[in-house]
Amino acid sequence: MNSKKSIESFFYISPNKLSLCIFEDIDQKIFEKEVLVHRYEKKENLNNIIDEFLDQNIVKIERKIGMFINEINLVVLDKNFIKIQASIKKNGKSDKISSNDISRMLFDLKQQIKENNSDKTITHMRINNFLLDKKKYYKLDDNFKCNELCLQIDFICLSNKTIHDFSEKIKKYQISIDKIFSAEYLKDNYNSYDGNECFAAANFKHENDENEVHFKKKMTTNTGFFERFFRFFG
C-alpha cells in the first residue's frame, strides 16, 4: 500500500446529512460520498446510520485511493458543543511583551479551563480580542509595550462522552480521530464558508489565522501491519 501520499479525511456528521471527503494537497478533493439521513426508509437512529455508512464506505475508499485511512477529522453539528468565554491578565509595567509571554498566558488559561471542565475536551480555542491598557485590539504586533494586557478567549468544548462514542465507532476500522470541528464554529469563523462542511474544515485547518490557537497532537500507537493488511484485503 502506498503510504507516502499526503491526504486528509473529513467526516461530516449531522442529524440530516453524512459526508465523507478525502483531500490531497488540502483543497484537491479525490473522493466524496454523501448521504441524506431522511432517505433511509427504516426509522433508524443516527448512530445506526453512521455505522452502516462507515461499513459501506471505509474499505471501499481505501481500495479506491490505494492507501489506508489512518486518521480522520470529524466535522460535527451537535448541540453538545458549548462555548466558554474566559480572560487572563498580565501586568506589563511598560515592559515589552513578546509572543512567548502570550503563549504562556494562553497555556495557563487553557489549563484552568481543562481543570474546571474535566468532563469536556477543548476543540477550538480562539483569541477574541486583546485589551492593551483598556484599549481593544483584534491583532497585535510583536514585542509591544503596555502596563496591562488582557486576553479575551473563546473556548469551544465537546463532552468527553460524545468524543468517546465517536472514537469507538471508527476504532474498529483502525482509524483514530485527528481533530474535531464544530460545524457551527466553522460557519461563524471561516470567511470563505460556502456550505460544504468538509471543504471548509480542510481549509480552516491549514489557513494562517493568527487568532486561532492550534494544539500539538499527542503521539498515538500505530496499528500493526498485519491487522491493517487483513482489514484491507479481507
Protein backbone atom coordinates (compact mmCIF):
# COMPACT_ATOMS: atom_id res chain seq x y z
CA MET A 1 0.00 0.00 0.00
CA ASN A 2 1.23 3.49 -0.82
CA SER A 3 1.52 5.46 2.43
CA LYS A 4 3.52 8.42 1.07
CA LYS A 5 0.64 10.40 -0.39
CA SER A 6 -0.33 13.41 1.68
CA ILE A 7 -4.06 13.01 2.17
CA GLU A 8 -6.58 14.07 4.79
CA SER A 9 -10.00 12.65 5.52
CA PHE A 10 -13.01 14.59 6.79
CA PHE A 11 -16.27 13.10 8.01
CA TYR A 12 -19.25 15.43 8.45
CA ILE A 13 -21.93 14.24 10.88
CA SER A 14 -25.29 15.93 11.39
CA PRO A 15 -28.86 14.78 12.06
CA ASN A 16 -29.66 15.46 8.39
CA LYS A 17 -26.55 14.53 6.42
CA LEU A 18 -23.40 12.42 6.47
CA SER A 19 -20.49 13.27 4.20
CA LEU A 20 -17.07 11.66 3.85
CA CYS A 21 -14.40 13.51 1.85
CA ILE A 22 -10.78 12.71 1.05
CA PHE A 23 -8.44 15.57 0.11
CA GLU A 24 -4.96 15.66 -1.33
CA ASP A 25 -2.97 18.90 -1.03
CA ILE A 26 -5.70 20.36 1.20
CA ASP A 27 -8.09 21.56 -1.49
CA GLN A 28 -7.88 18.79 -4.10
CA LYS A 29 -10.86 16.53 -3.48
CA ILE A 30 -10.18 12.97 -4.62
CA PHE A 31 -13.22 11.26 -3.12
CA GLU A 32 -16.61 12.27 -1.75
CA LYS A 33 -19.57 10.25 -0.55
CA GLU A 34 -22.68 11.90 0.83
CA VAL A 35 -25.99 10.60 2.09
CA LEU A 36 -29.07 12.40 3.34
CA VAL A 37 -30.31 10.80 6.53
CA HIS A 38 -34.01 11.22 5.68
CA ARG A 39 -33.56 8.94 2.66
CA TYR A 40 -33.24 5.93 4.94
CA GLU A 41 -36.58 4.16 4.77
CA LYS A 42 -36.19 2.44 8.11
CA LYS A 43 -36.73 4.51 11.21
CA GLU A 44 -33.20 4.05 12.49
CA ASN A 45 -31.41 6.31 14.91
CA LEU A 46 -28.43 8.33 13.73
CA ASN A 47 -25.87 6.06 15.42
CA ASN A 48 -27.05 3.06 13.41
CA ILE A 49 -26.99 5.07 10.19
CA ILE A 50 -23.41 6.21 10.88
CA ASP A 51 -22.35 2.58 11.47
CA GLU A 52 -23.95 1.46 8.23
CA PHE A 53 -22.43 4.38 6.31
CA LEU A 54 -18.91 3.62 7.54
CA ASP A 55 -19.32 -0.13 6.95
CA GLN A 56 -20.26 0.55 3.34
CA ASN A 57 -17.56 3.10 2.57
CA ILE A 58 -14.30 2.89 4.56
CA VAL A 59 -12.71 -0.16 2.95
CA LYS A 60 -14.20 0.80 -0.42
CA ILE A 61 -12.48 4.19 -0.20
CA GLU A 62 -9.15 2.69 0.89
CA ARG A 63 -9.18 0.36 -2.09
CA LYS A 64 -10.09 3.20 -4.42
CA ILE A 65 -7.32 5.56 -3.27
CA GLY A 66 -4.80 2.75 -2.77
CA MET A 67 -3.87 3.58 0.80
CA PHE A 68 -5.09 3.24 4.37
CA ILE A 69 -7.01 5.92 6.19
CA ASN A 70 -5.15 6.17 9.47
CA GLU A 71 -6.78 9.32 10.84
CA ILE A 72 -9.96 11.21 10.23
CA ASN A 73 -11.13 14.72 11.03
CA LEU A 74 -14.68 14.99 12.29
CA VAL A 75 -16.92 17.93 11.44
CA VAL A 76 -19.89 17.69 13.77
CA LEU A 77 -23.18 19.54 14.05
CA ASP A 78 -24.07 18.73 17.64
CA LYS A 79 -25.93 20.52 20.40
CA ASN A 80 -23.41 19.21 22.94
CA PHE A 81 -20.78 21.76 21.88
CA ILE A 82 -20.58 24.59 24.39
CA LYS A 83 -18.80 27.94 24.32
CA ILE A 84 -16.81 29.11 27.33
CA GLN A 85 -15.57 32.70 27.37
CA ALA A 86 -12.66 33.49 29.67
CA SER A 87 -9.92 36.06 30.11
CA ILE A 88 -6.44 36.31 31.57
CA LYS A 89 -4.49 39.41 32.57
CA LYS A 90 -0.80 40.29 32.75
CA ASN A 91 0.76 43.44 34.16
CA GLY A 92 3.47 44.69 31.83
CA LYS A 93 4.72 47.74 33.77
CA SER A 94 5.63 49.38 30.44
CA ASP A 95 7.90 46.43 29.58
CA LYS A 96 7.90 44.72 26.20
CA ILE A 97 5.56 41.74 25.95
CA SER A 98 6.66 39.06 23.50
CA SER A 99 4.85 36.24 21.71
CA ASN A 100 6.34 33.86 24.29
CA ASP A 101 4.63 35.81 27.07
CA ILE A 102 1.30 35.48 25.25
CA SER A 103 1.91 31.76 24.68
CA ARG A 104 2.39 31.26 28.42
CA MET A 105 -0.81 33.18 29.16
CA LEU A 106 -2.74 31.05 26.69
CA PHE A 107 -1.32 27.86 28.16
CA ASP A 108 -2.20 28.89 31.71
CA LEU A 109 -5.76 29.80 30.77
CA LYS A 110 -6.21 26.60 28.79
CA GLN A 111 -5.10 24.57 31.81
CA GLN A 112 -7.61 26.39 34.01
CA ILE A 113 -10.45 25.63 31.58
CA LYS A 114 -9.42 21.96 31.41
CA GLU A 115 -9.21 21.63 35.19
CA ASN A 116 -12.63 23.21 35.71
CA ASN A 117 -14.27 21.22 32.90
CA SER A 118 -12.76 17.76 33.29
CA ASP A 119 -15.75 16.14 31.55
CA LYS A 120 -15.10 18.09 28.34
CA THR A 121 -12.42 18.44 25.68
CA ILE A 122 -11.42 21.75 24.10
CA THR A 123 -11.92 21.51 20.33
CA HIS A 124 -11.35 25.17 19.44
CA MET A 125 -9.52 28.00 21.20
CA ARG A 126 -9.56 31.46 19.70
CA ILE A 127 -8.37 34.87 20.83
CA ASN A 128 -11.44 37.07 20.60
CA ASN A 129 -9.54 40.29 21.31
CA PHE A 130 -6.62 41.89 23.13
CA LEU A 131 -7.02 44.67 25.68
CA LEU A 132 -3.90 46.84 25.94
CA ASP A 133 -4.27 49.34 28.75
CA LYS A 134 -8.07 49.00 28.40
CA LYS A 135 -8.00 49.63 24.62
CA LYS A 136 -9.31 46.81 22.40
CA TYR A 137 -7.32 45.31 19.51
CA TYR A 138 -8.02 42.29 17.29
CA LYS A 139 -4.42 41.86 16.05
CA LEU A 140 -1.07 42.70 17.65
CA ASP A 141 2.48 43.29 16.51
CA ASP A 142 5.37 41.51 18.23
CA ASN A 143 7.19 42.98 21.23
CA PHE A 144 4.75 45.74 22.16
CA LYS A 145 4.75 47.67 25.42
CA CYS A 146 1.91 48.18 27.86
CA ASN A 147 1.10 48.46 31.54
CA GLU A 148 -1.63 45.85 31.33
CA LEU A 149 -2.53 43.16 28.82
CA CYS A 150 -5.77 41.20 28.92
CA LEU A 151 -6.61 38.35 26.52
CA GLN A 152 -10.25 37.50 25.97
CA ILE A 153 -10.58 33.93 24.72
CA ASP A 154 -13.39 31.81 23.31
CA PHE A 155 -13.22 28.08 24.02
CA ILE A 156 -15.43 25.59 22.18
CA CYS A 157 -15.75 22.32 24.08
CA LEU A 158 -17.38 18.95 23.49
CA SER A 159 -18.26 16.36 26.10
CA ASN A 160 -15.75 13.53 26.55
CA LYS A 161 -18.58 11.02 26.29
CA THR A 162 -19.54 12.25 22.82
CA ILE A 163 -15.90 12.08 21.69
CA HIS A 164 -15.53 8.62 23.18
CA ASP A 165 -18.63 7.41 21.30
CA PHE A 166 -17.25 8.74 18.01
CA SER A 167 -13.84 7.19 18.72
CA GLU A 168 -15.38 3.79 19.37
CA LYS A 169 -17.28 3.92 16.09
CA ILE A 170 -14.19 4.43 13.96
CA LYS A 171 -11.75 2.40 16.08
CA LYS A 172 -12.93 -0.87 14.57
CA TYR A 173 -11.52 0.36 11.23
CA GLN A 174 -8.16 1.06 12.97
CA ILE A 175 -8.72 4.78 12.45
CA SER A 176 -8.14 7.46 15.07
CA ILE A 177 -9.58 10.97 15.35
CA ASP A 178 -7.19 13.75 14.34
CA LYS A 179 -9.24 16.89 15.03
CA ILE A 180 -12.88 17.61 15.79
CA PHE A 181 -14.51 20.70 14.29
CA SER A 182 -17.77 22.26 15.33
CA ALA A 183 -19.79 22.88 12.17
CA GLU A 184 -21.38 25.95 13.78
CA TYR A 185 -17.95 27.30 14.72
CA LEU A 186 -16.76 26.95 11.12
CA LYS A 187 -19.82 28.74 9.85
CA ASP A 188 -19.25 31.63 12.26
CA ASN A 189 -15.47 31.96 11.88
CA TYR A 190 -14.50 30.84 8.39
CA ASN A 191 -14.95 33.73 5.95
CA SER A 192 -14.99 31.51 2.84
CA TYR A 193 -17.58 29.07 4.23
CA ASP A 194 -19.78 28.02 1.31
CA GLY A 195 -21.95 25.32 2.86
CA ASN A 196 -19.53 22.46 2.15
CA GLU A 197 -18.59 21.46 5.69
CA CYS A 198 -15.70 19.12 4.85
CA PHE A 199 -14.09 21.58 2.42
CA ALA A 200 -14.44 24.39 4.97
CA ALA A 201 -12.80 22.29 7.68
CA ALA A 202 -9.95 21.24 5.38
CA ASN A 203 -9.14 24.85 4.54
CA PHE A 204 -9.74 26.20 8.04
CA LYS A 205 -7.33 23.65 9.49
CA HIS A 206 -4.44 24.94 7.40
CA GLU A 207 -5.20 28.63 6.92
CA ASN A 208 -3.00 31.19 8.66
CA ASP A 209 -5.39 32.63 11.23
CA GLU A 210 -3.30 34.43 13.84
CA ASN A 211 -6.06 34.36 16.45
CA GLU A 212 -6.75 30.63 16.21
CA VAL A 213 -4.77 28.67 18.80
CA HIS A 214 -3.59 25.30 17.46
CA PHE A 215 -2.84 22.36 19.72
CA LYS A 216 0.07 19.99 19.36
CA LYS A 217 -1.09 16.46 18.81
CA LYS A 218 -0.18 13.62 21.14
CA MET A 219 1.61 10.66 19.58
CA THR A 220 -0.52 7.56 19.16
CA THR A 221 0.45 3.93 18.73
CA ASN A 222 0.30 2.72 15.14
CA THR A 223 -1.86 -0.25 14.29
CA GLY A 224 0.02 -3.43 13.47
CA PHE A 225 0.76 -4.04 9.81
CA PHE A 226 -0.95 -7.42 9.57
CA GLU A 227 -4.10 -6.16 11.25
CA ARG A 228 -4.32 -3.39 8.66
CA PHE A 229 -3.39 -5.78 5.83
CA PHE A 230 -6.25 -8.17 6.58
CA ARG A 231 -8.73 -5.36 7.02
CA PHE A 232 -7.89 -4.10 3.54
CA PHE A 233 -7.87 -7.42 1.75
CA GLY A 234 -10.40 -9.29 3.86
